Amino acid sequence: MTLILDALCTLVTATALAGIGALIPAFEEDYDMPAGRHLAEAAPLLTASALLIVSLVVTTLMVRPGREHRRRAGLVTAAVRLGVLGAGAVAFIVYGTLTYGV
């Protein structure tokens, strides 16, 4: 169950990060900005998205049937990543609420 929740949260977060990175030029509303600057601002979001997907693949490979120690380590890794994603989402919501109000 942990791995399923981890996979769903990781994929949704990675998709959101990639979408934000792709839409940065529209957010900035500065259409005269050089394309290189847009890419430089989008790169961290796209990189984070790729790293999340890679880490999910590594965890999935660790959880494959076989050694119990690797399986347990994979599930712990998935639980930790799930906690980090959840904490990041809560922090983002709290920051937005405190900064911009309801």
C-alpha atoms as a PDB file:
ATOM      1  CA  MET A   1       0.000   0.000   0.000  1.00  0.00           C
ATOM      2  CA  THR A   2       2.860   2.379   0.838  1.00  0.00           C
ATOM      3  CA  LEU A   3       4.424   1.887  -2.569  1.00  0.00           C
ATOM      4  CA  ILE A   4       1.119   2.555  -4.349  1.00  0.00           C
ATOM      5  CA  LEU A   5       0.566   5.795  -2.418  1.00  0.00           C
ATOM      6  CA  ASP A   6       4.196   6.724  -2.985  1.00  0.00           C
ATOM      7  CA  ALA A   7       3.901   6.096  -6.724  1.00  0.00           C
ATOM      8  CA  LEU A   8       0.716   8.150  -7.041  1.00  0.00           C
ATOM      9  CA  CYS A   9       2.040  11.089  -5.012  1.00  0.00           C
ATOM     10  CA  THR A  10       5.401  11.024  -6.783  1.00  0.00           C
ATOM     11  CA  LEU A  11       3.837  10.926 -10.248  1.00  0.00           C
ATOM     12  CA  VAL A  12       1.356  13.716  -9.449  1.00  0.00           C
ATOM     13  CA  THR A  13       4.109  15.871  -7.949  1.00  0.00           C
ATOM     14  CA  ALA A  14       6.465  15.238 -10.860  1.00  0.00           C
ATOM     15  CA  THR A  15       3.710  16.103 -13.344  1.00  0.00           C
ATOM     16  CA  ALA A  16       2.891  19.306 -11.459  1.00  0.00           C
ATOM     17  CA  LEU A  17       6.559  20.331 -11.345  1.00  0.00           C
ATOM     18  CA  ALA A  18       6.998  19.647 -15.064  1.00  0.00           C
ATOM     19  CA  GLY A  19       3.802  21.597 -15.836  1.00  0.00           C
ATOM     20  CA  ILE A  20       4.928  24.578 -13.770  1.00  0.00           C
ATOM     21  CA  GLY A  21       8.320  24.492 -15.470  1.00  0.00           C
ATOM     22  CA  ALA A  22       6.697  24.418 -18.897  1.00  0.00           C
ATOM     23  CA  LEU A  23       4.319  27.283 -18.030  1.00  0.00           C
ATOM     24  CA  ILE A  24       6.869  29.635 -16.447  1.00  0.00           C
ATOM     25  CA  PRO A  25       6.883  32.005 -19.466  1.00  0.00           C
ATOM     26  CA  ALA A  26       3.112  32.462 -19.129  1.00  0.00           C
ATOM     27  CA  PHE A  27       3.392  33.055 -15.376  1.00  0.00           C
ATOM     28  CA  GLU A  28       5.977  35.758 -15.816  1.00  0.00           C
ATOM     29  CA  GLU A  29       3.930  37.646 -18.424  1.00  0.00           C
ATOM     30  CA  ASP A  30       7.128  38.983 -19.940  1.00  0.00           C
ATOM     31  CA  TYR A  31       7.020  37.772 -23.507  1.00  0.00           C
ATOM     32  CA  ASP A  32      10.050  39.832 -24.551  1.00  0.00           C
ATOM     33  CA  MET A  33      12.285  37.850 -22.201  1.00  0.00           C
ATOM     34  CA  PRO A  34      15.021  35.859 -23.981  1.00  0.00           C
ATOM     35  CA  ALA A  35      14.280  32.135 -24.302  1.00  0.00           C
ATOM     36  CA  GLY A  36      17.472  31.255 -22.414  1.00  0.00           C
ATOM     37  CA  ARG A  37      16.198  32.928 -19.272  1.00  0.00           C
ATOM     38  CA  HIS A  38      12.947  30.953 -19.377  1.00  0.00           C
ATOM     39  CA  LEU A  39      14.909  27.732 -19.703  1.00  0.00           C
ATOM     40  CA  ALA A  40      17.185  28.700 -16.807  1.00  0.00           C
ATOM     41  CA  GLU A  41      14.172  29.358 -14.565  1.00  0.00           C
ATOM     42  CA  ALA A  42      12.349  26.187 -15.644  1.00  0.00           C
ATOM     43  CA  ALA A  43      15.392  23.889 -15.350  1.00  0.00           C
ATOM     44  CA  PRO A  44      15.183  23.345 -11.545  1.00  0.00           C
ATOM     45  CA  LEU A  45      11.514  22.347 -11.774  1.00  0.00           C
ATOM     46  CA  LEU A  46      12.078  19.999 -14.704  1.00  0.00           C
ATOM     47  CA  THR A  47      15.161  18.511 -13.014  1.00  0.00           C
ATOM     48  CA  ALA A  48      13.240  17.940  -9.767  1.00  0.00           C
ATOM     49  CA  SER A  49      10.514  16.220 -11.763  1.00  0.00           C
ATOM     50  CA  ALA A  50      13.019  13.915 -13.449  1.00  0.00           C
ATOM     51  CA  LEU A  51      14.740  13.104 -10.138  1.00  0.00           C
ATOM     52  CA  LEU A  52      11.424  12.167  -8.544  1.00  0.00           C
ATOM     53  CA  ILE A  53      10.648   9.766 -11.370  1.00  0.00           C
ATOM     54  CA  VAL A  54      14.141   8.230 -11.213  1.00  0.00           C
ATOM     55  CA  SER A  55      13.905   7.800  -7.436  1.00  0.00           C
ATOM     56  CA  LEU A  56      10.522   6.095  -7.831  1.00  0.00           C
ATOM     57  CA  VAL A  57      11.986   3.691 -10.388  1.00  0.00           C
ATOM     58  CA  VAL A  58      14.909   2.882  -8.068  1.00  0.00           C
ATOM     59  CA  THR A  59      12.531   2.247  -5.164  1.00  0.00           C
ATOM     60  CA  THR A  60      10.361   0.017  -7.338  1.00  0.00           C
ATOM     61  CA  LEU A  61      13.408  -2.020  -8.339  1.00  0.00           C
ATOM     62  CA  MET A  62      14.409  -2.361  -4.677  1.00  0.00           C
ATOM     63  CA  VAL A  63      10.974  -3.679  -3.697  1.00  0.00           C
ATOM     64  CA  ARG A  64      10.966  -6.488  -6.269  1.00  0.00           C
ATOM     65  CA  PRO A  65      10.642  -9.958  -4.773  1.00  0.00           C
ATOM     66  CA  GLY A  66      13.923 -11.347  -3.614  1.00  0.00           C
ATOM     67  CA  ARG A  67      15.935 -10.363  -0.613  1.00  0.00           C
ATOM     68  CA  GLU A  68      13.779  -9.329   2.301  1.00  0.00           C
ATOM     69  CA  HIS A  69      16.335  -6.743   3.433  1.00  0.00           C
ATOM     70  CA  ARG A  70      16.191  -4.894   0.089  1.00  0.00           C
ATOM     71  CA  ARG A  71      12.404  -5.077   0.092  1.00  0.00           C
ATOM     72  CA  ARG A  72      12.184  -3.583   3.569  1.00  0.00           C
ATOM     73  CA  ALA A  73      14.680  -0.846   2.639  1.00  0.00           C
ATOM     74  CA  GLY A  74      12.634  -0.020  -0.472  1.00  0.00           C
ATOM     75  CA  LEU A  75       9.441   0.303   1.539  1.00  0.00           C
ATOM     76  CA  VAL A  76      11.176   2.521   4.109  1.00  0.00           C
ATOM     77  CA  THR A  77      12.526   4.676   1.279  1.00  0.00           C
ATOM     78  CA  ALA A  78       9.035   4.914  -0.221  1.00  0.00           C
ATOM     79  CA  ALA A  79       7.555   5.897   3.144  1.00  0.00           C
ATOM     80  CA  VAL A  80      10.214   8.578   3.654  1.00  0.00           C
ATOM     81  CA  ARG A  81       9.661  10.025   0.162  1.00  0.00           C
ATOM     82  CA  LEU A  82       5.899   9.987   0.754  1.00  0.00           C
ATOM     83  CA  GLY A  83       6.428  11.894   4.016  1.00  0.00           C
ATOM     84  CA  VAL A  84       8.672  14.457   2.321  1.00  0.00           C
ATOM     85  CA  LEU A  85       6.150  15.003  -0.487  1.00  0.00           C
ATOM     86  CA  GLY A  86       3.324  15.342   2.042  1.00  0.00           C
ATOM     87  CA  ALA A  87       5.298  17.776   4.197  1.00  0.00           C
ATOM     88  CA  GLY A  88       6.198  19.816   1.112  1.00  0.00           C
ATOM     89  CA  ALA A  89       2.559  20.028   0.057  1.00  0.00           C
ATOM     90  CA  VAL A  90       1.443  21.092   3.536  1.00  0.00           C
ATOM     91  CA  ALA A  91       4.227  23.691   3.733  1.00  0.00           C
ATOM     92  CA  PHE A  92       3.236  25.069   0.318  1.00  0.00           C
ATOM     93  CA  ILE A  93      -0.413  25.386   1.374  1.00  0.00           C
ATOM     94  CA  VAL A  94       0.458  26.985   4.718  1.00  0.00           C
ATOM     95  CA  TYR A  95       2.877  29.420   3.048  1.00  0.00           C
ATOM     96  CA  GLY A  96       0.277  30.392   0.434  1.00  0.00           C
ATOM     97  CA  THR A  97      -2.407  30.846   3.085  1.00  0.00           C
ATOM     98  CA  LEU A  98      -0.203  32.953   5.341  1.00  0.00           C
ATOM     99  CA  THR A  99       1.215  35.029   2.489  1.00  0.00           C
ATOM    100  CA  TYR A 100      -1.867  35.653   0.390  1.00  0.00           C
ATOM    101  CA  GLY A 101      -4.716  34.961   2.807  1.00  0.00           C
ATOM    102  CA  VAL A 102      -7.815  32.953   2.150  1.00  0.00           C
END
